[in-house]
């Protein structure tokens, strides 16, 4: 832990309809909103962001609820830094943000 904070990750999983142009725009806007709020794409419909405390998790959950589309499926899960670090990557490579880690992100 850094400076007494307990790092956690907020992970968002979603499956949004993209059958029409309007649905595609809505899905694209949702992804852009996640990126603007500091989320990193792990996979096409899986985004994650580090948070320093439960208060930050609650803040970002409130923001997430404001931008969540009315249709589709959106889920959020909170995991500790230790749990996140134990995630196994079976194919592909880690993103730069994952290689750096939460505590080092603060130093930059």
PDB file of N, CA and C in Angstrom:
ATOM      1  N   UNK A   1       0.847  -1.191   0.000  1.00  0.00           N
ATOM      2  CA  UNK A   1       0.000   0.000   0.000  1.00  0.00           C
ATOM      3  C   UNK A   1       0.880   1.239   0.000  1.00  0.00           C
ATOM      4  N   UNK A   2       0.411   2.272  -0.657  1.00  0.00           N
ATOM      5  CA  UNK A   2       1.151   3.513  -0.775  1.00  0.00           C
ATOM      6  C   UNK A   2       0.416   4.600   0.002  1.00  0.00           C
ATOM      7  N   UNK A   3       1.103   5.263   0.926  1.00  0.00           N
ATOM      8  CA  UNK A   3       0.529   6.359   1.700  1.00  0.00           C
ATOM      9  C   UNK A   3      -0.766   5.966   2.416  1.00  0.00           C
ATOM     10  N   UNK A   4      -0.877   4.716   2.836  1.00  0.00           N
ATOM     11  CA  UNK A   4      -2.046   4.279   3.587  1.00  0.00           C
ATOM     12  C   UNK A   4      -3.274   4.001   2.733  1.00  0.00           C
ATOM     13  N   UNK A   5      -3.163   4.117   1.420  1.00  0.00           N
ATOM     14  CA  UNK A   5      -4.298   3.830   0.543  1.00  0.00           C
ATOM     15  C   UNK A   5      -4.333   2.346   0.236  1.00  0.00           C
ATOM     16  N   UNK A   6      -5.519   1.843   0.024  1.00  0.00           N
ATOM     17  CA  UNK A   6      -5.666   0.461  -0.400  1.00  0.00           C
ATOM     18  C   UNK A   6      -6.130   0.472  -1.847  1.00  0.00           C
ATOM     19  N   UNK A   7      -5.262   0.066  -2.734  1.00  0.00           N
ATOM     20  CA  UNK A   7      -5.585   0.076  -4.153  1.00  0.00           C
ATOM     21  C   UNK A   7      -6.600  -0.993  -4.477  1.00  0.00           C
ATOM     22  N   UNK A   8      -7.553  -0.615  -5.298  1.00  0.00           N
ATOM     23  CA  UNK A   8      -8.566  -1.536  -5.779  1.00  0.00           C
ATOM     24  C   UNK A   8      -8.777  -1.255  -7.263  1.00  0.00           C
ATOM     25  N   UNK A   9      -9.397  -2.180  -7.940  1.00  0.00           N
ATOM     26  CA  UNK A   9      -9.727  -2.025  -9.349  1.00  0.00           C
ATOM     27  C   UNK A   9     -11.225  -2.125  -9.522  1.00  0.00           C
ATOM     28  N   UNK A  10     -11.778  -1.234 -10.309  1.00  0.00           N
ATOM     29  CA  UNK A  10     -13.184  -1.282 -10.695  1.00  0.00           C
ATOM     30  C   UNK A  10     -13.206  -1.799 -12.128  1.00  0.00           C
ATOM     31  N   UNK A  11     -13.824  -2.959 -12.322  1.00  0.00           N
ATOM     32  CA  UNK A  11     -13.863  -3.590 -13.635  1.00  0.00           C
ATOM     33  C   UNK A  11     -15.293  -3.542 -14.151  1.00  0.00           C
ATOM     34  N   UNK A  12     -15.457  -3.107 -15.396  1.00  0.00           N
ATOM     35  CA  UNK A  12     -16.771  -2.983 -16.019  1.00  0.00           C
ATOM     36  C   UNK A  12     -16.836  -3.940 -17.205  1.00  0.00           C
ATOM     37  N   UNK A  13     -17.870  -4.766 -17.205  1.00  0.00           N
ATOM     38  CA  UNK A  13     -18.131  -5.711 -18.291  1.00  0.00           C
ATOM     39  C   UNK A  13     -19.435  -5.286 -18.947  1.00  0.00           C
ATOM     40  N   UNK A  14     -19.477  -5.278 -20.266  1.00  0.00           N
ATOM     41  CA  UNK A  14     -20.736  -4.884 -20.886  1.00  0.00           C
ATOM     42  C   UNK A  14     -20.961  -5.592 -22.214  1.00  0.00           C
ATOM     43  N   UNK A  15     -22.233  -5.715 -22.527  1.00  0.00           N
ATOM     44  CA  UNK A  15     -22.680  -6.270 -23.792  1.00  0.00           C
ATOM     45  C   UNK A  15     -23.828  -5.391 -24.235  1.00  0.00           C
ATOM     46  N   UNK A  16     -23.564  -4.514 -25.184  1.00  0.00           N
ATOM     47  CA  UNK A  16     -24.559  -3.543 -25.633  1.00  0.00           C
ATOM     48  C   UNK A  16     -25.036  -3.871 -27.042  1.00  0.00           C
ATOM     49  N   UNK A  17     -26.306  -3.600 -27.327  1.00  0.00           N
ATOM     50  CA  UNK A  17     -26.801  -3.852 -28.677  1.00  0.00           C
ATOM     51  C   UNK A  17     -26.144  -2.902 -29.689  1.00  0.00           C
ATOM     52  N   UNK A  18     -25.829  -3.431 -30.859  1.00  0.00           N
ATOM     53  CA  UNK A  18     -25.205  -2.616 -31.914  1.00  0.00           C
ATOM     54  C   UNK A  18     -25.837  -2.919 -33.280  1.00  0.00           C
ATOM     55  N   UNK A  19     -27.119  -3.243 -33.282  1.00  0.00           N
ATOM     56  CA  UNK A  19     -27.811  -3.595 -34.520  1.00  0.00           C
ATOM     57  C   UNK A  19     -28.149  -2.409 -35.396  1.00  0.00           C
ATOM     58  N   UNK A  20     -28.385  -1.248 -34.807  1.00  0.00           N
ATOM     59  CA  UNK A  20     -28.730  -0.054 -35.581  1.00  0.00           C
ATOM     60  C   UNK A  20     -27.642   0.999 -35.423  1.00  0.00           C
ATOM     61  N   UNK A  21     -27.692   2.031 -36.270  1.00  0.00           N
ATOM     62  CA  UNK A  21     -26.708   3.122 -36.162  1.00  0.00           C
ATOM     63  C   UNK A  21     -26.811   3.804 -34.805  1.00  0.00           C
ATOM     64  N   UNK A  22     -28.022   4.004 -34.321  1.00  0.00           N
ATOM     65  CA  UNK A  22     -28.212   4.656 -33.021  1.00  0.00           C
ATOM     66  C   UNK A  22     -27.612   3.808 -31.898  1.00  0.00           C
ATOM     67  N   UNK A  23     -27.793   2.494 -31.962  1.00  0.00           N
ATOM     68  CA  UNK A  23     -27.223   1.611 -30.940  1.00  0.00           C
ATOM     69  C   UNK A  23     -25.698   1.617 -31.011  1.00  0.00           C
ATOM     70  N   UNK A  24     -25.156   1.651 -32.212  1.00  0.00           N
ATOM     71  CA  UNK A  24     -23.695   1.707 -32.366  1.00  0.00           C
ATOM     72  C   UNK A  24     -23.137   3.001 -31.782  1.00  0.00           C
ATOM     73  N   UNK A  25     -23.840   4.116 -32.034  1.00  0.00           N
ATOM     74  CA  UNK A  25     -23.401   5.408 -31.471  1.00  0.00           C
ATOM     75  C   UNK A  25     -23.456   5.369 -29.942  1.00  0.00           C
ATOM     76  N   UNK A  26     -24.527   4.783 -29.400  1.00  0.00           N
ATOM     77  CA  UNK A  26     -24.678   4.696 -27.944  1.00  0.00           C
ATOM     78  C   UNK A  26     -23.554   3.866 -27.338  1.00  0.00           C
ATOM     79  N   UNK A  27     -23.238   2.735 -27.954  1.00  0.00           N
ATOM     80  CA  UNK A  27     -22.158   1.872 -27.451  1.00  0.00           C
ATOM     81  C   UNK A  27     -20.806   2.583 -27.539  1.00  0.00           C
ATOM     82  N   UNK A  28     -20.569   3.278 -28.653  1.00  0.00           N
ATOM     83  CA  UNK A  28     -19.301   4.005 -28.818  1.00  0.00           C
ATOM     84  C   UNK A  28     -19.188   5.129 -27.797  1.00  0.00           C
ATOM     85  N   UNK A  29     -20.283   5.827 -27.546  1.00  0.00           N
ATOM     86  CA  UNK A  29     -20.278   6.902 -26.543  1.00  0.00           C
ATOM     87  C   UNK A  29     -19.977   6.341 -25.157  1.00  0.00           C
ATOM     88  N   UNK A  30     -20.545   5.198 -24.829  1.00  0.00           N
ATOM     89  CA  UNK A  30     -20.304   4.572 -23.529  1.00  0.00           C
ATOM     90  C   UNK A  30     -18.821   4.234 -23.372  1.00  0.00           C
ATOM     91  N   UNK A  31     -18.221   3.649 -24.404  1.00  0.00           N
ATOM     92  CA  UNK A  31     -16.786   3.331 -24.343  1.00  0.00           C
ATOM     93  C   UNK A  31     -15.949   4.601 -24.179  1.00  0.00           C
ATOM     94  N   UNK A  32     -16.299   5.648 -24.906  1.00  0.00           N
ATOM     95  CA  UNK A  32     -15.561   6.916 -24.790  1.00  0.00           C
ATOM     96  C   UNK A  32     -15.728   7.525 -23.399  1.00  0.00           C
ATOM     97  N   UNK A  33     -16.937   7.423 -22.829  1.00  0.00           N
ATOM     98  CA  UNK A  33     -17.158   7.920 -21.469  1.00  0.00           C
ATOM     99  C   UNK A  33     -16.290   7.164 -20.466  1.00  0.00           C
ATOM    100  N   UNK A  34     -16.163   5.852 -20.646  1.00  0.00           N
ATOM    101  CA  UNK A  34     -15.301   5.070 -19.757  1.00  0.00           C
ATOM    102  C   UNK A  34     -13.853   5.538 -19.879  1.00  0.00           C
ATOM    103  N   UNK A  35     -13.395   5.731 -21.101  1.00  0.00           N
ATOM    104  CA  UNK A  35     -12.017   6.165 -21.304  1.00  0.00           C
ATOM    105  C   UNK A  35     -11.771   7.548 -20.714  1.00  0.00           C
ATOM    106  N   UNK A  36     -12.739   8.455 -20.863  1.00  0.00           N
ATOM    107  CA  UNK A  36     -12.596   9.805 -20.284  1.00  0.00           C
ATOM    108  C   UNK A  36     -12.503   9.749 -18.759  1.00  0.00           C
ATOM    109  N   UNK A  37     -13.140   8.733 -18.162  1.00  0.00           N
ATOM    110  CA  UNK A  37     -13.123   8.610 -16.709  1.00  0.00           C
ATOM    111  C   UNK A  37     -11.937   7.785 -16.212  1.00  0.00           C
ATOM    112  N   UNK A  38     -10.991   7.488 -17.090  1.00  0.00           N
ATOM    113  CA  UNK A  38      -9.756   6.844 -16.648  1.00  0.00           C
ATOM    114  C   UNK A  38      -9.724   5.333 -16.762  1.00  0.00           C
ATOM    115  N   UNK A  39     -10.700   4.746 -17.428  1.00  0.00           N
ATOM    116  CA  UNK A  39     -10.704   3.297 -17.612  1.00  0.00           C
ATOM    117  C   UNK A  39      -9.778   2.924 -18.761  1.00  0.00           C
ATOM    118  N   UNK A  40      -9.192   1.746 -18.658  1.00  0.00           N
ATOM    119  CA  UNK A  40      -8.348   1.176 -19.692  1.00  0.00           C
ATOM    120  C   UNK A  40      -9.058  -0.047 -20.259  1.00  0.00           C
ATOM    121  N   UNK A  41      -9.057  -0.183 -21.571  1.00  0.00           N
ATOM    122  CA  UNK A  41      -9.692  -1.341 -22.184  1.00  0.00           C
ATOM    123  C   UNK A  41      -8.807  -2.571 -22.012  1.00  0.00           C
ATOM    124  N   UNK A  42      -9.353  -3.610 -21.370  1.00  0.00           N
ATOM    125  CA  UNK A  42      -8.638  -4.876 -21.253  1.00  0.00           C
ATOM    126  C   UNK A  42      -8.987  -5.782 -22.431  1.00  0.00           C
ATOM    127  N   UNK A  43     -10.253  -5.753 -22.803  1.00  0.00           N
ATOM    128  CA  UNK A  43     -10.773  -6.466 -23.961  1.00  0.00           C
ATOM    129  C   UNK A  43     -11.892  -5.600 -24.513  1.00  0.00           C
ATOM    130  N   UNK A  44     -12.456  -5.971 -25.657  1.00  0.00           N
ATOM    131  CA  UNK A  44     -13.428  -5.107 -26.326  1.00  0.00           C
ATOM    132  C   UNK A  44     -14.532  -4.622 -25.393  1.00  0.00           C
ATOM    133  N   UNK A  45     -15.088  -5.472 -24.578  1.00  0.00           N
ATOM    134  CA  UNK A  45     -16.188  -5.079 -23.692  1.00  0.00           C
ATOM    135  C   UNK A  45     -15.830  -5.196 -22.221  1.00  0.00           C
ATOM    136  N   UNK A  46     -14.546  -5.083 -21.905  1.00  0.00           N
ATOM    137  CA  UNK A  46     -14.084  -5.152 -20.513  1.00  0.00           C
ATOM    138  C   UNK A  46     -13.109  -3.993 -20.280  1.00  0.00           C
ATOM    139  N   UNK A  47     -13.470  -3.128 -19.347  1.00  0.00           N
ATOM    140  CA  UNK A  47     -12.642  -1.968 -19.017  1.00  0.00           C
ATOM    141  C   UNK A  47     -12.346  -1.988 -17.519  1.00  0.00           C
ATOM    142  N   UNK A  48     -11.202  -1.449 -17.127  1.00  0.00           N
ATOM    143  CA  UNK A  48     -10.818  -1.423 -15.714  1.00  0.00           C
ATOM    144  C   UNK A  48     -10.143  -0.104 -15.387  1.00  0.00           C
ATOM    145  N   UNK A  49     -10.279   0.296 -14.124  1.00  0.00           N
ATOM    146  CA  UNK A  49      -9.585   1.497 -13.656  1.00  0.00           C
ATOM    147  C   UNK A  49      -9.171   1.283 -12.209  1.00  0.00           C
ATOM    148  N   UNK A  50      -7.960   1.754 -11.855  1.00  0.00           N
ATOM    149  CA  UNK A  50      -7.526   1.660 -10.459  1.00  0.00           C
ATOM    150  C   UNK A  50      -8.176   2.762  -9.630  1.00  0.00           C
ATOM    151  N   UNK A  51      -8.451   2.447  -8.375  1.00  0.00           N
ATOM    152  CA  UNK A  51      -9.005   3.425  -7.430  1.00  0.00           C
ATOM    153  C   UNK A  51      -8.255   3.281  -6.118  1.00  0.00           C
ATOM    154  N   UNK A  52      -8.032   4.406  -5.446  1.00  0.00           N
ATOM    155  CA  UNK A  52      -7.229   4.394  -4.219  1.00  0.00           C
ATOM    156  C   UNK A  52      -7.996   4.023  -2.967  1.00  0.00           C
ATOM    157  N   UNK A  53      -9.326   4.013  -3.017  1.00  0.00           N
ATOM    158  CA  UNK A  53     -10.097   3.723  -1.800  1.00  0.00           C
ATOM    159  C   UNK A  53     -11.523   3.355  -2.163  1.00  0.00           C
ATOM    160  N   UNK A  54     -12.263   2.907  -1.177  1.00  0.00           N
ATOM    161  CA  UNK A  54     -13.680   2.602  -1.393  1.00  0.00           C
ATOM    162  C   UNK A  54     -14.469   3.857  -1.738  1.00  0.00           C
ATOM    163  N   UNK A  55     -14.058   5.004  -1.183  1.00  0.00           N
ATOM    164  CA  UNK A  55     -14.726   6.268  -1.531  1.00  0.00           C
ATOM    165  C   UNK A  55     -14.592   6.554  -3.022  1.00  0.00           C
ATOM    166  N   UNK A  56     -13.408   6.309  -3.573  1.00  0.00           N
ATOM    167  CA  UNK A  56     -13.191   6.524  -5.013  1.00  0.00           C
ATOM    168  C   UNK A  56     -14.011   5.534  -5.838  1.00  0.00           C
ATOM    169  N   UNK A  57     -14.093   4.298  -5.357  1.00  0.00           N
ATOM    170  CA  UNK A  57     -14.913   3.300  -6.046  1.00  0.00           C
ATOM    171  C   UNK A  57     -16.355   3.791  -6.118  1.00  0.00           C
ATOM    172  N   UNK A  58     -16.875   4.282  -4.992  1.00  0.00           N
ATOM    173  CA  UNK A  58     -18.259   4.764  -4.955  1.00  0.00           C
ATOM    174  C   UNK A  58     -18.446   5.960  -5.892  1.00  0.00           C
ATOM    175  N   UNK A  59     -17.472   6.849  -5.936  1.00  0.00           N
ATOM    176  CA  UNK A  59     -17.530   8.008  -6.829  1.00  0.00           C
ATOM    177  C   UNK A  59     -17.612   7.568  -8.286  1.00  0.00           C
ATOM    178  N   UNK A  60     -16.767   6.617  -8.668  1.00  0.00           N
ATOM    179  CA  UNK A  60     -16.751   6.165 -10.053  1.00  0.00           C
ATOM    180  C   UNK A  60     -17.960   5.290 -10.384  1.00  0.00           C
ATOM    181  N   UNK A  61     -18.495   4.585  -9.404  1.00  0.00           N
ATOM    182  CA  UNK A  61     -19.730   3.828  -9.623  1.00  0.00           C
ATOM    183  C   UNK A  61     -20.885   4.789  -9.915  1.00  0.00           C
ATOM    184  N   UNK A  62     -20.935   5.903  -9.190  1.00  0.00           N
ATOM    185  CA  UNK A  62     -21.986   6.904  -9.432  1.00  0.00           C
ATOM    186  C   UNK A  62     -21.854   7.478 -10.840  1.00  0.00           C
ATOM    187  N   UNK A  63     -20.625   7.780 -11.254  1.00  0.00           N
ATOM    188  CA  UNK A  63     -20.401   8.278 -12.617  1.00  0.00           C
ATOM    189  C   UNK A  63     -20.806   7.238 -13.653  1.00  0.00           C
ATOM    190  N   UNK A  64     -20.460   5.983 -13.370  1.00  0.00           N
ATOM    191  CA  UNK A  64     -20.790   4.893 -14.283  1.00  0.00           C
ATOM    192  C   UNK A  64     -22.304   4.773 -14.454  1.00  0.00           C
ATOM    193  N   UNK A  65     -23.029   4.881 -13.362  1.00  0.00           N
ATOM    194  CA  UNK A  65     -24.492   4.785 -13.428  1.00  0.00           C
ATOM    195  C   UNK A  65     -25.093   5.914 -14.260  1.00  0.00           C
ATOM    196  N   UNK A  66     -24.461   7.063 -14.260  1.00  0.00           N
ATOM    197  CA  UNK A  66     -24.966   8.200 -15.042  1.00  0.00           C
ATOM    198  C   UNK A  66     -24.807   7.997 -16.540  1.00  0.00           C
ATOM    199  N   UNK A  67     -23.773   7.274 -16.969  1.00  0.00           N
ATOM    200  CA  UNK A  67     -23.505   7.122 -18.400  1.00  0.00           C
ATOM    201  C   UNK A  67     -23.919   5.754 -18.954  1.00  0.00           C
ATOM    202  N   UNK A  68     -24.445   4.884 -18.099  1.00  0.00           N
ATOM    203  CA  UNK A  68     -24.843   3.551 -18.548  1.00  0.00           C
ATOM    204  C   UNK A  68     -26.048   3.625 -19.472  1.00  0.00           C
ATOM    205  N   UNK A  69     -25.957   3.011 -20.668  1.00  0.00           N
ATOM    206  CA  UNK A  69     -27.096   3.006 -21.588  1.00  0.00           C
ATOM    207  C   UNK A  69     -28.294   2.260 -20.997  1.00  0.00           C
ATOM    208  N   UNK A  70     -29.464   2.579 -21.485  1.00  0.00           N
ATOM    209  CA  UNK A  70     -30.701   1.965 -20.976  1.00  0.00           C
ATOM    210  C   UNK A  70     -30.856   0.514 -21.431  1.00  0.00           C
ATOM    211  N   UNK A  71     -30.305   0.180 -22.593  1.00  0.00           N
ATOM    212  CA  UNK A  71     -30.424  -1.175 -23.141  1.00  0.00           C
ATOM    213  C   UNK A  71     -29.092  -1.910 -23.006  1.00  0.00           C
ATOM    214  N   UNK A  72     -29.159  -3.241 -22.992  1.00  0.00           N
ATOM    215  CA  UNK A  72     -27.953  -4.050 -22.916  1.00  0.00           C
ATOM    216  C   UNK A  72     -27.686  -4.520 -21.505  1.00  0.00           C
ATOM    217  N   UNK A  73     -26.484  -5.000 -21.296  1.00  0.00           N
ATOM    218  CA  UNK A  73     -26.070  -5.518 -19.999  1.00  0.00           C
ATOM    219  C   UNK A  73     -24.748  -4.871 -19.603  1.00  0.00           C
ATOM    220  N   UNK A  74     -24.725  -4.252 -18.435  1.00  0.00           N
ATOM    221  CA  UNK A  74     -23.507  -3.631 -17.916  1.00  0.00           C
ATOM    222  C   UNK A  74     -23.336  -4.111 -16.480  1.00  0.00           C
ATOM    223  N   UNK A  75     -22.175  -4.635 -16.173  1.00  0.00           N
ATOM    224  CA  UNK A  75     -21.861  -5.126 -14.823  1.00  0.00           C
ATOM    225  C   UNK A  75     -20.565  -4.482 -14.344  1.00  0.00           C
ATOM    226  N   UNK A  76     -20.469  -4.295 -13.042  1.00  0.00           N
ATOM    227  CA  UNK A  76     -19.252  -3.740 -12.447  1.00  0.00           C
ATOM    228  C   UNK A  76     -18.827  -4.627 -11.283  1.00  0.00           C
ATOM    229  N   UNK A  77     -17.527  -4.788 -11.158  1.00  0.00           N
ATOM    230  CA  UNK A  77     -16.992  -5.616 -10.081  1.00  0.00           C
ATOM    231  C   UNK A  77     -15.765  -4.918  -9.506  1.00  0.00           C
ATOM    232  N   UNK A  78     -15.630  -4.976  -8.215  1.00  0.00           N
ATOM    233  CA  UNK A  78     -14.475  -4.404  -7.531  1.00  0.00           C
ATOM    234  C   UNK A  78     -13.582  -5.538  -7.035  1.00  0.00           C
ATOM    235  N   UNK A  79     -12.294  -5.426  -7.319  1.00  0.00           N
ATOM    236  CA  UNK A  79     -11.328  -6.404  -6.820  1.00  0.00           C
ATOM    237  C   UNK A  79     -10.145  -5.651  -6.216  1.00  0.00           C
ATOM    238  N   UNK A  80      -9.455  -6.293  -5.304  1.00  0.00           N
ATOM    239  CA  UNK A  80      -8.268  -5.675  -4.708  1.00  0.00           C
ATOM    240  C   UNK A  80      -7.112  -5.729  -5.706  1.00  0.00           C
ATOM    241  N   UNK A  81      -6.086  -4.962  -5.436  1.00  0.00           N
ATOM    242  CA  UNK A  81      -4.891  -4.965  -6.286  1.00  0.00           C
ATOM    243  C   UNK A  81      -4.281  -6.365  -6.324  1.00  0.00           C
ATOM    244  N   UNK A  82      -4.264  -7.052  -5.193  1.00  0.00           N
ATOM    245  CA  UNK A  82      -3.700  -8.408  -5.149  1.00  0.00           C
ATOM    246  C   UNK A  82      -4.502  -9.366  -6.026  1.00  0.00           C
ATOM    247  N   UNK A  83      -5.834  -9.272  -5.956  1.00  0.00           N
ATOM    248  CA  UNK A  83      -6.664 -10.134  -6.792  1.00  0.00           C
ATOM    249  C   UNK A  83      -6.445  -9.819  -8.271  1.00  0.00           C
ATOM    250  N   UNK A  84      -6.386  -8.536  -8.604  1.00  0.00           N
ATOM    251  CA  UNK A  84      -6.179  -8.123  -9.983  1.00  0.00           C
ATOM    252  C   UNK A  84      -4.831  -8.637 -10.500  1.00  0.00           C
ATOM    253  N   UNK A  85      -3.810  -8.559  -9.647  1.00  0.00           N
ATOM    254  CA  UNK A  85      -2.466  -8.993 -10.044  1.00  0.00           C
ATOM    255  C   UNK A  85      -2.415 -10.497 -10.292  1.00  0.00           C
ATOM    256  N   UNK A  86      -3.327 -11.252  -9.681  1.00  0.00           N
ATOM    257  CA  UNK A  86      -3.347 -12.703  -9.882  1.00  0.00           C
ATOM    258  C   UNK A  86      -4.103 -13.122 -11.148  1.00  0.00           C
ATOM    259  N   UNK A  87      -4.655 -12.145 -11.874  1.00  0.00           N
ATOM    260  CA  UNK A  87      -5.348 -12.472 -13.114  1.00  0.00           C
ATOM    261  C   UNK A  87      -4.349 -13.110 -14.077  1.00  0.00           C
ATOM    262  N   UNK A  88      -4.731 -14.229 -14.674  1.00  0.00           N
ATOM    263  CA  UNK A  88      -3.848 -14.914 -15.609  1.00  0.00           C
ATOM    264  C   UNK A  88      -4.172 -14.506 -17.031  1.00  0.00           C
ATOM    265  N   UNK A  89      -3.157 -14.150 -17.757  1.00  0.00           N
ATOM    266  CA  UNK A  89      -3.287 -13.810 -19.168  1.00  0.00           C
ATOM    267  C   UNK A  89      -2.928 -15.059 -19.962  1.00  0.00           C
ATOM    268  N   UNK A  90      -3.904 -15.626 -20.658  1.00  0.00           N
ATOM    269  CA  UNK A  90      -3.673 -16.890 -21.347  1.00  0.00           C
ATOM    270  C   UNK A  90      -3.143 -16.691 -22.764  1.00  0.00           C
ATOM    271  N   UNK A  91      -3.568 -15.636 -23.442  1.00  0.00           N
ATOM    272  CA  UNK A  91      -3.102 -15.343 -24.791  1.00  0.00           C
ATOM    273  C   UNK A  91      -2.949 -13.838 -24.918  1.00  0.00           C
ATOM    274  N   UNK A  92      -1.931 -13.376 -25.619  1.00  0.00           N
ATOM    275  CA  UNK A  92      -1.729 -11.935 -25.800  1.00  0.00           C
ATOM    276  C   UNK A  92      -0.654 -11.418 -24.868  1.00  0.00           C
ATOM    277  N   UNK A  93      -0.649 -10.086 -24.677  1.00  0.00           N
ATOM    278  CA  UNK A  93       0.338  -9.492 -23.778  1.00  0.00           C
ATOM    279  C   UNK A  93      -0.327  -8.415 -22.933  1.00  0.00           C
ATOM    280  N   UNK A  94       0.288  -8.114 -21.815  1.00  0.00           N
ATOM    281  CA  UNK A  94      -0.246  -7.119 -20.893  1.00  0.00           C
ATOM    282  C   UNK A  94      -0.118  -5.723 -21.490  1.00  0.00           C
ATOM    283  N   UNK A  95      -1.086  -4.879 -21.162  1.00  0.00           N
ATOM    284  CA  UNK A  95      -1.027  -3.482 -21.568  1.00  0.00           C
ATOM    285  C   UNK A  95       0.030  -2.769 -20.751  1.00  0.00           C
ATOM    286  N   UNK A  96       0.542  -1.646 -21.250  1.00  0.00           N
ATOM    287  CA  UNK A  96       1.546  -0.874 -20.504  1.00  0.00           C
ATOM    288  C   UNK A  96       1.036  -0.502 -19.125  1.00  0.00           C
ATOM    289  N   UNK A  97      -0.258  -0.121 -19.015  1.00  0.00           N
ATOM    290  CA  UNK A  97      -0.824   0.278 -17.728  1.00  0.00           C
ATOM    291  C   UNK A  97      -0.789  -0.881 -16.736  1.00  0.00           C
ATOM    292  N   UNK A  98      -0.979  -2.093 -17.222  1.00  0.00           N
ATOM    293  CA  UNK A  98      -0.943  -3.262 -16.342  1.00  0.00           C
ATOM    294  C   UNK A  98       0.479  -3.576 -15.907  1.00  0.00           C
ATOM    295  N   UNK A  99       1.448  -3.369 -16.791  1.00  0.00           N
ATOM    296  CA  UNK A  99       2.838  -3.662 -16.462  1.00  0.00           C
ATOM    297  C   UNK A  99       3.373  -2.689 -15.418  1.00  0.00           C
ATOM    298  N   UNK A 100       2.890  -1.452 -15.457  1.00  0.00           N
ATOM    299  CA  UNK A 100       3.358  -0.435 -14.523  1.00  0.00           C
ATOM    300  C   UNK A 100       2.843  -0.723 -13.121  1.00  0.00           C
ATOM    301  N   UNK A 101       1.552  -1.003 -12.975  1.00  0.00           N
ATOM    302  CA  UNK A 101       0.949  -1.249 -11.677  1.00  0.00           C
ATOM    303  C   UNK A 101       0.428   0.024 -11.059  1.00  0.00           C
ATOM    304  N   UNK A 102      -0.489  -0.117 -10.128  1.00  0.00           N
ATOM    305  CA  UNK A 102      -1.178   1.035  -9.519  1.00  0.00           C
ATOM    306  C   UNK A 102      -0.241   1.990  -8.801  1.00  0.00           C
ATOM    307  N   UNK A 103       0.600   1.455  -7.934  1.00  0.00           N
ATOM    308  CA  UNK A 103       1.424   2.327  -7.098  1.00  0.00           C
ATOM    309  C   UNK A 103       2.367   3.172  -7.942  1.00  0.00           C
ATOM    310  N   UNK A 104       2.887   2.627  -9.027  1.00  0.00           N
ATOM    311  CA  UNK A 104       3.782   3.387  -9.873  1.00  0.00           C
ATOM    312  C   UNK A 104       3.044   4.411 -10.720  1.00  0.00           C
ATOM    313  N   UNK A 105       1.755   4.190 -10.995  1.00  0.00           N
ATOM    314  CA  UNK A 105       0.981   5.169 -11.751  1.00  0.00           C
ATOM    315  C   UNK A 105       0.934   6.505 -11.035  1.00  0.00           C
ATOM    316  N   UNK A 106       0.899   6.490  -9.703  1.00  0.00           N
ATOM    317  CA  UNK A 106       0.824   7.710  -8.923  1.00  0.00           C
ATOM    318  C   UNK A 106       2.096   8.525  -9.030  1.00  0.00           C
ATOM    319  N   UNK A 107       3.220   7.857  -9.217  1.00  0.00           N
ATOM    320  CA  UNK A 107       4.503   8.538  -9.224  1.00  0.00           C
ATOM    321  C   UNK A 107       4.727   9.361 -10.484  1.00  0.00           C
ATOM    322  N   UNK A 108       4.007   9.060 -11.559  1.00  0.00           N
ATOM    323  CA  UNK A 108       4.226   9.761 -12.826  1.00  0.00           C
ATOM    324  C   UNK A 108       3.513  11.059 -12.883  1.00  0.00           C
TER     325      UNK A 108
END
